[in-house]
C-alpha atoms as a PDB file:
ATOM      1  CA  MET A   1      64.856  83.556 119.048  1.00  0.00           C
ATOM      2  CA  ASP A   2      65.744  87.323 118.961  1.00  0.00           C
ATOM      3  CA  ASP A   3      69.123  88.667 118.652  1.00  0.00           C
ATOM      4  CA  ASP A   4      69.012  89.764 122.955  1.00  0.00           C
ATOM      5  CA  VAL A   5      68.172  85.726 123.782  1.00  0.00           C
ATOM      6  CA  TYR A   6      70.591  84.737 121.200  1.00  0.00           C
ATOM      7  CA  SER A   7      73.337  86.858 122.442  1.00  0.00           C
ATOM      8  CA  SER A   8      72.290  85.750 126.022  1.00  0.00           C
ATOM      9  CA  GLN A   9      72.485  81.886 124.982  1.00  0.00           C
ATOM     10  CA  ARG A  10      75.814  82.508 123.221  1.00  0.00           C
ATOM     11  CA  SER A  11      77.378  84.108 126.364  1.00  0.00           C
ATOM     12  CA  ALA A  12      76.454  81.893 128.665  1.00  0.00           C
ATOM     13  CA  THR A  13      78.501  79.108 126.654  1.00  0.00           C
ATOM     14  CA  TRP A  14      81.354  80.963 127.905  1.00  0.00           C
ATOM     15  CA  ARG A  15      83.188  78.824 130.523  1.00  0.00           C
ATOM     16  CA  LEU A  16      86.813  78.913 130.969  1.00  0.00           C
ATOM     17  CA  GLY A  17      88.317  75.755 132.440  1.00  0.00           C
ATOM     18  CA  LEU A  18      90.940  76.105 135.000  1.00  0.00           C
ATOM     19  CA  PRO A  19      94.272  74.332 133.891  1.00  0.00           C
ATOM     20  CA  GLY A  20      94.117  70.647 135.369  1.00  0.00           C
ATOM     21  CA  LYS A  21      96.775  69.559 137.613  1.00  0.00           C
ATOM     22  CA  ARG A  22      98.539  67.474 135.044  1.00  0.00           C
ATOM     23  CA  THR A  23     102.303  68.432 134.626  1.00  0.00           C
ATOM     24  CA  VAL A  24     102.299  70.988 132.139  1.00  0.00           C
ATOM     25  CA  LEU A  25     105.335  72.176 130.032  1.00  0.00           C
ATOM     26  CA  ARG A  26     107.727  74.049 131.448  1.00  0.00           C
ATOM     27  CA  PHE A  27     110.322  75.727 129.270  1.00  0.00           C
ATOM     28  CA  SER A  28     113.985  76.017 130.215  1.00  0.00           C
ATOM     29  CA  LEU A  29     116.986  77.209 128.301  1.00  0.00           C
ATOM     30  CA  MET A  30     115.239  75.277 125.323  1.00  0.00           C
ATOM     31  CA  ALA A  31     112.537  77.592 125.751  1.00  0.00           C
ATOM     32  CA  LEU A  32     115.051  80.890 125.858  1.00  0.00           C
ATOM     33  CA  SER A  33     116.458  79.502 122.731  1.00  0.00           C
ATOM     34  CA  ALA A  34     112.917  79.314 121.163  1.00  0.00           C
ATOM     35  CA  LEU A  35     111.990  82.482 122.192  1.00  0.00           C
ATOM     36  CA  SER A  36     115.526  83.970 120.898  1.00  0.00           C
ATOM     37  CA  VAL A  37     114.439  82.355 117.154  1.00  0.00           C
ATOM     38  CA  ALA A  38     110.960  83.477 117.867  1.00  0.00           C
ATOM     39  CA  CYS A  39     112.070  87.265 118.099  1.00  0.00           C
ATOM     40  CA  LEU A  40     114.310  86.287 114.805  1.00  0.00           C
ATOM     41  CA  ILE A  41     111.341  85.096 113.191  1.00  0.00           C
ATOM     42  CA  SER A  42     109.211  88.497 113.999  1.00  0.00           C
ATOM     43  CA  THR A  43     112.093  90.423 112.798  1.00  0.00           C
ATOM     44  CA  PHE A  44     112.063  88.662 109.708  1.00  0.00           C
ATOM     45  CA  LEU A  45     108.608  88.624 108.915  1.00  0.00           C
ATOM     46  CA  SER A  46     108.216  92.364 109.810  1.00  0.00           C
ATOM     47  CA  SER A  47     110.410  93.009 106.764  1.00  0.00           C
ATOM     48  CA  LEU A  48     108.565  90.192 104.956  1.00  0.00           C
ATOM     49  CA  VAL A  49     105.576  92.629 105.488  1.00  0.00           C
ATOM     50  CA  LEU A  50     106.950  95.370 103.567  1.00  0.00           C
ATOM     51  CA  HIS A  51     108.091  93.229 100.872  1.00  0.00           C
ATOM     52  CA  LEU A  52     104.657  91.766 100.387  1.00  0.00           C
ATOM     53  CA  SER A  53     103.006  95.013 101.053  1.00  0.00           C
ATOM     54  CA  ALA A  54     104.637  96.363  97.811  1.00  0.00           C
ATOM     55  CA  ALA A  55     104.050  93.073  95.653  1.00  0.00           C
ATOM     56  CA  GLU A  56     100.746  92.622  94.648  1.00  0.00           C
ATOM     57  CA  GLN A  57     101.716  89.468  92.491  1.00  0.00           C
ATOM     58  CA  PHE A  58     102.208  88.121  95.677  1.00  0.00           C
ATOM     59  CA  VAL A  59      99.264  89.114  98.143  1.00  0.00           C
ATOM     60  CA  GLY A  60      95.841  89.713  96.924  1.00  0.00           C
ATOM     61  CA  TYR A  61      94.048  92.232  99.471  1.00  0.00           C
ATOM     62  CA  ILE A  62      90.503  92.718  99.190  1.00  0.00           C
ATOM     63  CA  PRO A  63      89.783  96.210 101.043  1.00  0.00           C
ATOM     64  CA  ALA A  64      86.685  96.431 103.529  1.00  0.00           C
ATOM     65  CA  PRO A  65      84.541  99.098 102.362  1.00  0.00           C
ATOM     66  CA  SER A  66      85.409 102.306 104.137  1.00  0.00           C
ATOM     67  CA  ASN A  67      81.632 103.829 105.087  1.00  0.00           C
ATOM     68  CA  GLU A  68      81.760 107.293 106.463  1.00  0.00           C
ATOM     69  CA  THR A  69      78.461 107.323 107.406  1.00  0.00           C
ATOM     70  CA  SER A  70      75.819 104.080 107.878  1.00  0.00           C
ATOM     71  CA  THR A  71      74.903 102.854 104.250  1.00  0.00           C
ATOM     72  CA  HIS A  72      71.874 101.289 103.235  1.00  0.00           C
ATOM     73  CA  TYR A  73      73.030  97.976 101.480  1.00  0.00           C
ATOM     74  CA  ALA A  74      70.357  95.777  99.328  1.00  0.00           C
ATOM     75  CA  ASP A  75      71.353  92.655  97.565  1.00  0.00           C
ATOM     76  CA  PRO A  76      68.648  90.568  95.994  1.00  0.00           C
ATOM     77  CA  ALA A  77      70.630  87.635  96.071  1.00  0.00           C
ATOM     78  CA  LEU A  78      70.753  87.641 100.050  1.00  0.00           C
ATOM     79  CA  ASN A  79      67.395  87.979 100.157  1.00  0.00           C
ATOM     80  CA  THR A  80      67.361  90.663 102.366  1.00  0.00           C
ATOM     81  CA  SER A  81      68.005  94.772 103.044  1.00  0.00           C
ATOM     82  CA  SER A  82      70.098  95.690 106.114  1.00  0.00           C
ATOM     83  CA  ILE A  83      72.155  98.443 107.168  1.00  0.00           C
ATOM     84  CA  LEU A  84      75.745  97.984 107.182  1.00  0.00           C
ATOM     85  CA  SER A  85      77.582  99.268 110.483  1.00  0.00           C
ATOM     86  CA  THR A  86      79.323 102.915 110.209  1.00  0.00           C
ATOM     87  CA  GLY A  87      82.501 102.325 109.510  1.00  0.00           C
ATOM     88  CA  SER A  88      84.509  99.318 108.485  1.00  0.00           C
ATOM     89  CA  SER A  89      84.513  95.994 110.777  1.00  0.00           C
ATOM     90  CA  ARG A  90      87.587  95.442 112.878  1.00  0.00           C
ATOM     91  CA  ILE A  91      87.471  91.907 111.681  1.00  0.00           C
ATOM     92  CA  GLY A  92      89.547  90.700 109.011  1.00  0.00           C
ATOM     93  CA  LYS A  93      89.854  87.300 106.985  1.00  0.00           C
ATOM     94  CA  VAL A  94      93.117  85.855 105.924  1.00  0.00           C
ATOM     95  CA  ARG A  95      93.036  83.219 103.589  1.00  0.00           C
ATOM     96  CA  ILE A  96      95.891  81.375 101.326  1.00  0.00           C
ATOM     97  CA  LEU A  97      95.419  79.837  97.869  1.00  0.00           C
ATOM     98  CA  PHE A  98      98.693  79.376  95.796  1.00  0.00           C
ATOM     99  CA  GLY A  99     100.036  76.715  93.159  1.00  0.00           C
ATOM    100  CA  ASP A 100      98.110  75.154  90.373  1.00  0.00           C
ATOM    101  CA  HIS A 101      95.135  76.963  89.420  1.00  0.00           C
ATOM    102  CA  ASN A 102      92.137  75.324  90.758  1.00  0.00           C
ATOM    103  CA  GLU A 103      88.773  76.667  89.932  1.00  0.00           C
ATOM    104  CA  VAL A 104      87.131  74.903  92.307  1.00  0.00           C
ATOM    105  CA  TYR A 105      88.668  76.420  95.350  1.00  0.00           C
ATOM    106  CA  GLU A 106      88.759  79.919  93.389  1.00  0.00           C
ATOM    107  CA  ARG A 107      85.075  79.436  93.548  1.00  0.00           C
ATOM    108  CA  ALA A 108      85.209  78.888  97.316  1.00  0.00           C
ATOM    109  CA  LEU A 109      87.148  81.804  97.956  1.00  0.00           C
ATOM    110  CA  ARG A 110      84.529  83.684  95.706  1.00  0.00           C
ATOM    111  CA  SER A 111      82.036  82.748  98.004  1.00  0.00           C
ATOM    112  CA  HIS A 112      83.148  84.936 100.956  1.00  0.00           C
ATOM    113  CA  ASP A 113      82.768  88.210  98.700  1.00  0.00           C
ATOM    114  CA  ALA A 114      79.061  88.610  99.675  1.00  0.00           C
ATOM    115  CA  HIS A 115      79.848  88.166 103.570  1.00  0.00           C
ATOM    116  CA  ASN A 116      82.952  90.282 103.186  1.00  0.00           C
ATOM    117  CA  LYS A 117      81.136  93.104 101.188  1.00  0.00           C
ATOM    118  CA  PHE A 118      77.776  92.843 103.421  1.00  0.00           C
ATOM    119  CA  HIS A 119      79.617  93.266 106.849  1.00  0.00           C
ATOM    120  CA  GLY A 120      82.883  95.472 105.676  1.00  0.00           C
ATOM    121  CA  TYR A 121      85.388  92.455 106.287  1.00  0.00           C
ATOM    122  CA  ALA A 122      88.750  93.171 105.045  1.00  0.00           C
ATOM    123  CA  GLN A 123      90.167  89.879 103.247  1.00  0.00           C
ATOM    124  CA  PHE A 124      94.074  89.086 102.679  1.00  0.00           C
ATOM    125  CA  VAL A 125      94.789  86.458 100.214  1.00  0.00           C
ATOM    126  CA  LEU A 126      98.324  84.740 100.109  1.00  0.00           C
ATOM    127  CA  ARG A 127      99.344  84.067  96.518  1.00  0.00           C
ATOM    128  CA  GLU A 128     102.622  82.402  96.708  1.00  0.00           C
ATOM    129  CA  LYS A 129     104.259  80.126  99.147  1.00  0.00           C
ATOM    130  CA  LEU A 130     106.525  81.445 102.014  1.00  0.00           C
ATOM    131  CA  LEU A 131     108.078  78.526 103.657  1.00  0.00           C
ATOM    132  CA  SER A 132     107.767  74.665 103.110  1.00  0.00           C
ATOM    133  CA  GLY A 133     104.862  72.114 103.477  1.00  0.00           C
ATOM    134  CA  LEU A 134     101.630  73.877 105.167  1.00  0.00           C
ATOM    135  CA  TRP A 135     103.898  76.449 107.353  1.00  0.00           C
ATOM    136  CA  SER A 136     103.289  79.274 105.147  1.00  0.00           C
ATOM    137  CA  LYS A 137      99.688  79.269 107.141  1.00  0.00           C
ATOM    138  CA  PRO A 138     101.217  80.583 110.607  1.00  0.00           C
ATOM    139  CA  ALA A 139     103.984  82.818 108.690  1.00  0.00           C
ATOM    140  CA  TYR A 140     101.229  84.474 106.788  1.00  0.00           C
ATOM    141  CA  ILE A 141      98.874  85.170 109.598  1.00  0.00           C
ATOM    142  CA  LEU A 142     102.072  86.266 111.597  1.00  0.00           C
ATOM    143  CA  SER A 143     102.912  88.886 109.087  1.00  0.00           C
ATOM    144  CA  THR A 144      99.216  90.179 109.036  1.00  0.00           C
ATOM    145  CA  ILE A 145      99.179  90.664 112.426  1.00  0.00           C
ATOM    146  CA  LEU A 146     102.408  92.367 112.561  1.00  0.00           C
ATOM    147  CA  GLN A 147     101.167  94.273 109.732  1.00  0.00           C
ATOM    148  CA  GLU A 148      98.424  95.530 111.331  1.00  0.00           C
ATOM    149  CA  MET A 149     100.193  96.379 115.002  1.00  0.00           C
ATOM    150  CA  ALA A 150     102.403  98.636 112.519  1.00  0.00           C
ATOM    151  CA  LYS A 151      99.178 100.888 112.396  1.00  0.00           C
ATOM    152  CA  PRO A 152      97.994 103.367 115.175  1.00  0.00           C
ATOM    153  CA  VAL A 153      95.605 101.321 117.506  1.00  0.00           C
ATOM    154  CA  GLU A 154      92.322 103.140 116.269  1.00  0.00           C
ATOM    155  CA  ASP A 155      93.216 102.225 112.685  1.00  0.00           C
ATOM    156  CA  ARG A 156      94.083  98.078 113.400  1.00  0.00           C
ATOM    157  CA  LEU A 157      92.150  95.579 112.902  1.00  0.00           C
ATOM    158  CA  GLN A 158      91.395  93.717 116.348  1.00  0.00           C
ATOM    159  CA  TRP A 159      90.479  90.016 115.093  1.00  0.00           C
ATOM    160  CA  LEU A 160      91.796  88.044 112.278  1.00  0.00           C
ATOM    161  CA  PHE A 161      89.642  84.720 111.281  1.00  0.00           C
ATOM    162  CA  TRP A 162      91.585  81.914 109.068  1.00  0.00           C
ATOM    163  CA  PHE A 163      89.690  80.172 106.630  1.00  0.00           C
ATOM    164  CA  ASP A 164      91.248  77.072 104.794  1.00  0.00           C
ATOM    165  CA  ARG A 165      90.972  77.467 101.118  1.00  0.00           C
ATOM    166  CA  ASP A 166      88.111  74.200 101.218  1.00  0.00           C
ATOM    167  CA  ILE A 167      85.701  76.441 103.035  1.00  0.00           C
ATOM    168  CA  VAL A 168      82.388  77.477 101.332  1.00  0.00           C
ATOM    169  CA  ILE A 169      79.959  80.325 102.921  1.00  0.00           C
ATOM    170  CA  MET A 170      76.535  79.102 103.010  1.00  0.00           C
ATOM    171  CA  ASN A 171      75.103  81.941 104.799  1.00  0.00           C
ATOM    172  CA  PRO A 172      76.225  85.537 104.254  1.00  0.00           C
ATOM    173  CA  LYS A 173      73.699  87.042 106.649  1.00  0.00           C
ATOM    174  CA  ILE A 174      75.825  85.600 109.721  1.00  0.00           C
ATOM    175  CA  PRO A 175      78.126  88.301 110.894  1.00  0.00           C
ATOM    176  CA  LEU A 176      81.574  87.107 112.459  1.00  0.00           C
ATOM    177  CA  GLU A 177      80.809  89.366 115.558  1.00  0.00           C
ATOM    178  CA  ILE A 178      78.873  86.871 117.203  1.00  0.00           C
ATOM    179  CA  PHE A 179      81.159  84.634 117.756  1.00  0.00           C
ATOM    180  CA  LEU A 180      84.001  87.000 119.674  1.00  0.00           C
ATOM    181  CA  PRO A 181      84.014  86.309 123.267  1.00  0.00           C
ATOM    182  CA  PRO A 182      82.197  89.451 125.153  1.00  0.00           C
ATOM    183  CA  GLU A 183      84.229  91.918 126.804  1.00  0.00           C
ATOM    184  CA  PRO A 184      85.330  92.582 129.550  1.00  0.00           C
ATOM    185  CA  ASP A 185      84.512  89.436 131.117  1.00  0.00           C
ATOM    186  CA  PHE A 186      86.422  87.396 128.411  1.00  0.00           C
ATOM    187  CA  SER A 187      88.688  90.062 127.331  1.00  0.00           C
ATOM    188  CA  HIS A 188      91.873  87.681 128.313  1.00  0.00           C
ATOM    189  CA  ILE A 189      91.002  85.333 125.361  1.00  0.00           C
ATOM    190  CA  HIS A 190      92.885  85.811 122.393  1.00  0.00           C
ATOM    191  CA  LEU A 191      92.585  82.604 120.471  1.00  0.00           C
ATOM    192  CA  LEU A 192      88.904  80.902 119.390  1.00  0.00           C
ATOM    193  CA  VAL A 193      89.711  77.161 118.176  1.00  0.00           C
ATOM    194  CA  THR A 194      87.299  74.094 117.268  1.00  0.00           C
ATOM    195  CA  ASN A 195      87.650  70.171 117.725  1.00  0.00           C
ATOM    196  CA  ASP A 196      86.740  67.591 115.699  1.00  0.00           C
ATOM    197  CA  GLN A 197      86.550  63.601 116.363  1.00  0.00           C
ATOM    198  CA  ASN A 198      90.169  63.618 115.733  1.00  0.00           C
ATOM    199  CA  GLY A 199      91.101  66.714 118.097  1.00  0.00           C
ATOM    200  CA  LEU A 200      92.350  70.130 116.968  1.00  0.00           C
ATOM    201  CA  ASN A 201      90.974  71.461 113.604  1.00  0.00           C
ATOM    202  CA  ASN A 202      92.878  74.539 112.567  1.00  0.00           C
ATOM    203  CA  GLY A 203      90.849  74.711 109.293  1.00  0.00           C
ATOM    204  CA  ALA A 204      89.019  77.805 110.715  1.00  0.00           C
ATOM    205  CA  PHE A 205      90.057  80.034 113.811  1.00  0.00           C
ATOM    206  CA  ALA A 206      89.940  83.454 115.354  1.00  0.00           C
ATOM    207  CA  ILE A 207      92.931  85.229 116.590  1.00  0.00           C
ATOM    208  CA  LYS A 208      93.472  88.325 118.151  1.00  0.00           C
ATOM    209  CA  VAL A 209      95.597  91.174 116.936  1.00  0.00           C
ATOM    210  CA  ASN A 210      98.126  91.672 119.821  1.00  0.00           C
ATOM    211  CA  ASP A 211     101.392  90.576 120.989  1.00  0.00           C
ATOM    212  CA  TRP A 212     100.242  87.371 122.579  1.00  0.00           C
ATOM    213  CA  SER A 213      99.585  86.265 118.890  1.00  0.00           C
ATOM    214  CA  VAL A 214     102.756  87.207 118.005  1.00  0.00           C
ATOM    215  CA  LYS A 215     104.420  84.934 120.316  1.00  0.00           C
ATOM    216  CA  LEU A 216     102.072  82.218 119.642  1.00  0.00           C
ATOM    217  CA  LEU A 217     102.656  82.409 115.698  1.00  0.00           C
ATOM    218  CA  ALA A 218     106.119  82.719 116.392  1.00  0.00           C
ATOM    219  CA  PHE A 219     106.578  79.547 119.113  1.00  0.00           C
ATOM    220  CA  ILE A 220     104.863  77.582 116.119  1.00  0.00           C
ATOM    221  CA  LEU A 221     107.135  78.130 113.472  1.00  0.00           C
ATOM    222  CA  ALA A 222     109.881  77.375 116.263  1.00  0.00           C
ATOM    223  CA  LEU A 223     108.727  74.558 117.341  1.00  0.00           C
ATOM    224  CA  ARG A 224     109.782  71.650 114.949  1.00  0.00           C
ATOM    225  CA  LYS A 225     113.474  73.006 115.429  1.00  0.00           C
ATOM    226  CA  TYR A 226     113.701  73.259 118.894  1.00  0.00           C
ATOM    227  CA  ARG A 227     111.198  70.327 120.286  1.00  0.00           C
ATOM    228  CA  PRO A 228     111.991  67.851 117.384  1.00  0.00           C
ATOM    229  CA  ASP A 229     110.751  65.363 119.981  1.00  0.00           C
ATOM    230  CA  VAL A 230     107.321  66.457 119.715  1.00  0.00           C
ATOM    231  CA  GLU A 231     105.106  64.469 116.973  1.00  0.00           C
ATOM    232  CA  LEU A 232     103.627  66.956 114.544  1.00  0.00           C
ATOM    233  CA  LYS A 233     101.218  64.270 112.967  1.00  0.00           C
ATOM    234  CA  TYR A 234      99.315  67.085 111.431  1.00  0.00           C
ATOM    235  CA  SER A 235     102.496  69.779 110.825  1.00  0.00           C
ATOM    236  CA  GLU A 236     101.386  73.279 112.161  1.00  0.00           C
ATOM    237  CA  GLN A 237      97.977  72.316 113.265  1.00  0.00           C
ATOM    238  CA  SER A 238      99.535  69.795 115.621  1.00  0.00           C
ATOM    239  CA  ALA A 239     102.073  72.307 116.549  1.00  0.00           C
ATOM    240  CA  LEU A 240      99.328  74.594 117.742  1.00  0.00           C
ATOM    241  CA  GLU A 241      97.340  72.229 119.607  1.00  0.00           C
ATOM    242  CA  TYR A 242     100.511  70.922 121.652  1.00  0.00           C
ATOM    243  CA  LEU A 243     101.237  74.667 122.673  1.00  0.00           C
ATOM    244  CA  ILE A 244      97.699  75.170 123.573  1.00  0.00           C
ATOM    245  CA  GLN A 245      97.399  72.072 125.744  1.00  0.00           C
ATOM    246  CA  ASP A 246     100.780  72.051 127.296  1.00  0.00           C
ATOM    247  CA  ASP A 247     101.782  75.621 128.056  1.00  0.00           C
ATOM    248  CA  ARG A 248      99.986  77.244 131.029  1.00  0.00           C
ATOM    249  CA  TRP A 249     100.493  81.012 129.424  1.00  0.00           C
ATOM    250  CA  PHE A 250      98.772  79.944 125.785  1.00  0.00           C
ATOM    251  CA  LYS A 251      96.221  77.504 127.276  1.00  0.00           C
ATOM    252  CA  ALA A 252      94.697  80.207 129.571  1.00  0.00           C
ATOM    253  CA  SER A 253      94.040  82.587 126.478  1.00  0.00           C
ATOM    254  CA  THR A 254      92.382  79.758 124.348  1.00  0.00           C
ATOM    255  CA  MET A 255      88.965  78.953 124.057  1.00  0.00           C
ATOM    256  CA  HIS A 256      87.978  75.729 122.470  1.00  0.00           C
ATOM    257  CA  VAL A 257      84.079  76.871 121.114  1.00  0.00           C
ATOM    258  CA  PRO A 258      81.467  74.382 119.292  1.00  0.00           C
ATOM    259  CA  GLN A 259      82.811  73.258 116.040  1.00  0.00           C
ATOM    260  CA  ARG A 260      79.524  73.973 114.208  1.00  0.00           C
ATOM    261  CA  TRP A 261      79.686  78.010 115.143  1.00  0.00           C
ATOM    262  CA  PHE A 262      82.360  78.424 112.135  1.00  0.00           C
ATOM    263  CA  ASN A 263      83.983  75.288 111.409  1.00  0.00           C
ATOM    264  CA  ALA A 264      80.984  72.953 110.611  1.00  0.00           C
ATOM    265  CA  TYR A 265      81.479  69.649 108.278  1.00  0.00           C
ATOM    266  CA  ARG A 266      79.292  68.673 105.673  1.00  0.00           C
ATOM    267  CA  ASP A 267      76.799  65.702 106.190  1.00  0.00           C
ATOM    268  CA  PRO A 268      75.752  63.656 103.069  1.00  0.00           C
ATOM    269  CA  ARG A 269      72.119  64.928 101.649  1.00  0.00           C
ATOM    270  CA  GLY A 270      70.261  64.651  98.433  1.00  0.00           C
ATOM    271  CA  ASP A 271      70.867  67.067  95.469  1.00  0.00           C
ATOM    272  CA  ASP A 272      68.131  69.396  96.944  1.00  0.00           C
ATOM    273  CA  GLY A 273      70.493  69.814 100.265  1.00  0.00           C
ATOM    274  CA  VAL A 274      67.920  67.995 102.040  1.00  0.00           C
ATOM    275  CA  ARG A 275      69.213  65.589 104.730  1.00  0.00           C
ATOM    276  CA  SER A 276      67.370  62.151 104.553  1.00  0.00           C
ATOM    277  CA  PRO A 277      65.097  61.713 107.527  1.00  0.00           C
ATOM    278  CA  ASP A 278      66.705  58.467 108.420  1.00  0.00           C
ATOM    279  CA  ARG A 279      70.125  60.129 109.240  1.00  0.00           C
ATOM    280  CA  LYS A 280      70.691  61.486 112.819  1.00  0.00           C
ATOM    281  CA  PRO A 281      72.406  64.989 112.454  1.00  0.00           C
ATOM    282  CA  SER A 282      75.935  65.216 114.204  1.00  0.00           C
ATOM    283  CA  PRO A 283      76.552  68.506 116.476  1.00  0.00           C
ATOM    284  CA  ASN A 284      79.540  68.791 114.133  1.00  0.00           C
ATOM    285  CA  TYR A 285      77.749  68.794 110.800  1.00  0.00           C
ATOM    286  CA  VAL A 286      76.160  71.794 108.921  1.00  0.00           C
ATOM    287  CA  LYS A 287      72.552  72.667 109.603  1.00  0.00           C
ATOM    288  CA  GLU A 288      70.486  75.035 107.819  1.00  0.00           C
ATOM    289  CA  GLY A 289      71.339  78.782 108.605  1.00  0.00           C
ATOM    290  CA  ASP A 290      74.669  78.036 109.425  1.00  0.00           C
ATOM    291  CA  LEU A 291      77.655  80.408 108.576  1.00  0.00           C
ATOM    292  CA  LEU A 292      79.578  77.809 106.171  1.00  0.00           C
ATOM    293  CA  ILE A 293      80.844  74.597 105.263  1.00  0.00           C
ATOM    294  CA  HIS A 294      84.762  73.040 105.947  1.00  0.00           C
ATOM    295  CA  PHE A 295      85.094  70.174 103.518  1.00  0.00           C
ATOM    296  CA  ALA A 296      88.019  69.029 105.645  1.00  0.00           C
ATOM    297  CA  GLY A 297      90.267  66.291 104.264  1.00  0.00           C
ATOM    298  CA  GLY A 298      89.492  64.236 101.324  1.00  0.00           C
ATOM    299  CA  LYS A 299      92.034  61.429 100.327  1.00  0.00           C
ATOM    300  CA  VAL A 300      90.438  61.535  96.814  1.00  0.00           C
ATOM    301  CA  PRO A 301      90.411  64.838  95.183  1.00  0.00           C
ATOM    302  CA  GLU A 302      88.292  64.169  92.479  1.00  0.00           C
ATOM    303  CA  ASN A 303      85.394  63.430  94.787  1.00  0.00           C
ATOM    304  CA  LYS A 304      86.498  66.420  97.172  1.00  0.00           C
ATOM    305  CA  MET A 305      86.046  68.602  93.831  1.00  0.00           C
ATOM    306  CA  LYS A 306      82.678  67.109  93.487  1.00  0.00           C
ATOM    307  CA  ARG A 307      81.404  67.584  96.648  1.00  0.00           C
ATOM    308  CA  MET A 308      82.660  71.011  96.727  1.00  0.00           C
ATOM    309  CA  THR A 309      81.072  71.748  93.707  1.00  0.00           C
ATOM    310  CA  GLU A 310      77.769  70.554  94.761  1.00  0.00           C
ATOM    311  CA  TRP A 311      77.685  72.445  97.686  1.00  0.00           C
ATOM    312  CA  MET A 312      78.496  75.608  95.853  1.00  0.00           C
ATOM    313  CA  ASP A 313      75.890  75.228  93.719  1.00  0.00           C
ATOM    314  CA  LEU A 314      73.155  74.968  96.401  1.00  0.00           C
ATOM    315  CA  ALA A 315      74.568  78.000  98.067  1.00  0.00           C
ATOM    316  CA  ASP A 316      74.409  79.883  94.666  1.00  0.00           C
ATOM    317  CA  GLN A 317      70.799  79.091  94.464  1.00  0.00           C
ATOM    318  CA  HIS A 318      70.335  81.655  97.586  1.00  0.00           C
ATOM    319  CA  LEU A 319      67.468  79.380  99.472  1.00  0.00           C
ATOM    320  CA  PRO A 320      65.466  81.026 102.295  1.00  0.00           C
ATOM    321  CA  GLN A 321      66.058  77.571 104.133  1.00  0.00           C
ATOM    322  CA  TRP A 322      69.789  78.403 104.012  1.00  0.00           C
ATOM    323  CA  GLU A 323      70.092  82.175 104.166  1.00  0.00           C
ATOM    324  CA  LYS A 324      68.321  82.520 107.184  1.00  0.00           C
ATOM    325  CA  GLU A 325      68.539  85.970 109.010  1.00  0.00           C
ATOM    326  CA  LEU A 326      70.614  85.820 112.409  1.00  0.00           C
ATOM    327  CA  ASN A 327      67.535  85.690 114.473  1.00  0.00           C
ATOM    328  CA  GLN A 328      66.172  82.705 112.773  1.00  0.00           C
ATOM    329  CA  THR A 329      69.021  80.238 113.121  1.00  0.00           C
ATOM    330  CA  SER A 330      69.658  78.339 116.123  1.00  0.00           C
END
């Protein structure tokens, strides 16, 4: 399948459903209070950006290549020789990895290096906890967006992709740009998310760098304080799911895309990475040539570390059936 056909088929999947007739959330005086808190949070995080920028021990920032002209980049490990786009990508990645040293998670983080270098992606890595529980995640994404918005428009990143620490790149040849909503028909889409069998999974998602995203992330951070009646079973993930389902304004600019695009789960395979022929593939499971694997969940940490290591060993072999060219993927 050539790139034009792939792009056409991908664009055909972009269909925005109209809000249903169900009752949607209407914020009243409580919402105004939440918005006030959101503004305070934004102000706080603006100052936090300055602090983080000046403290390398808190934030690891991997800058994207700065190419004044198109540069030939060949890496034998990628089984390819390709041309980088002129200039750096307008997409960045946001990650968090702090706490006690864990070499498996560090290795998963390093699995993105070839992908970032090949496509010119900046990567921001938070190395210190900002808030309790899992709430550092929306706080750090918000601080990164505010940092970008403080730059001149022409110098800003346009989109950020969030990836959890248990995500491993399997095919660095796949550019993130192919997942973005086509302009101008879908310029109103500011958030790309995926669902699994339990509902929203925000282990990987894409968010636009703009004021809409600032408001969404600020509301996520304020929700547990001003809507204590809302059950947040999965912490900040549930807060995000609540807002994009029940608030008409946030819902209208959110798009659910196929999970396999950039949040695929692993499926049981042999040591050679081959799926047993008697196993029926799931639409949420990774397939040869896909971008990545997300090792979500895992009640037994030792088992999760073992599975991640096995798949990273497979990725390090750079097998051609996994590192396919874009036009050979499905």
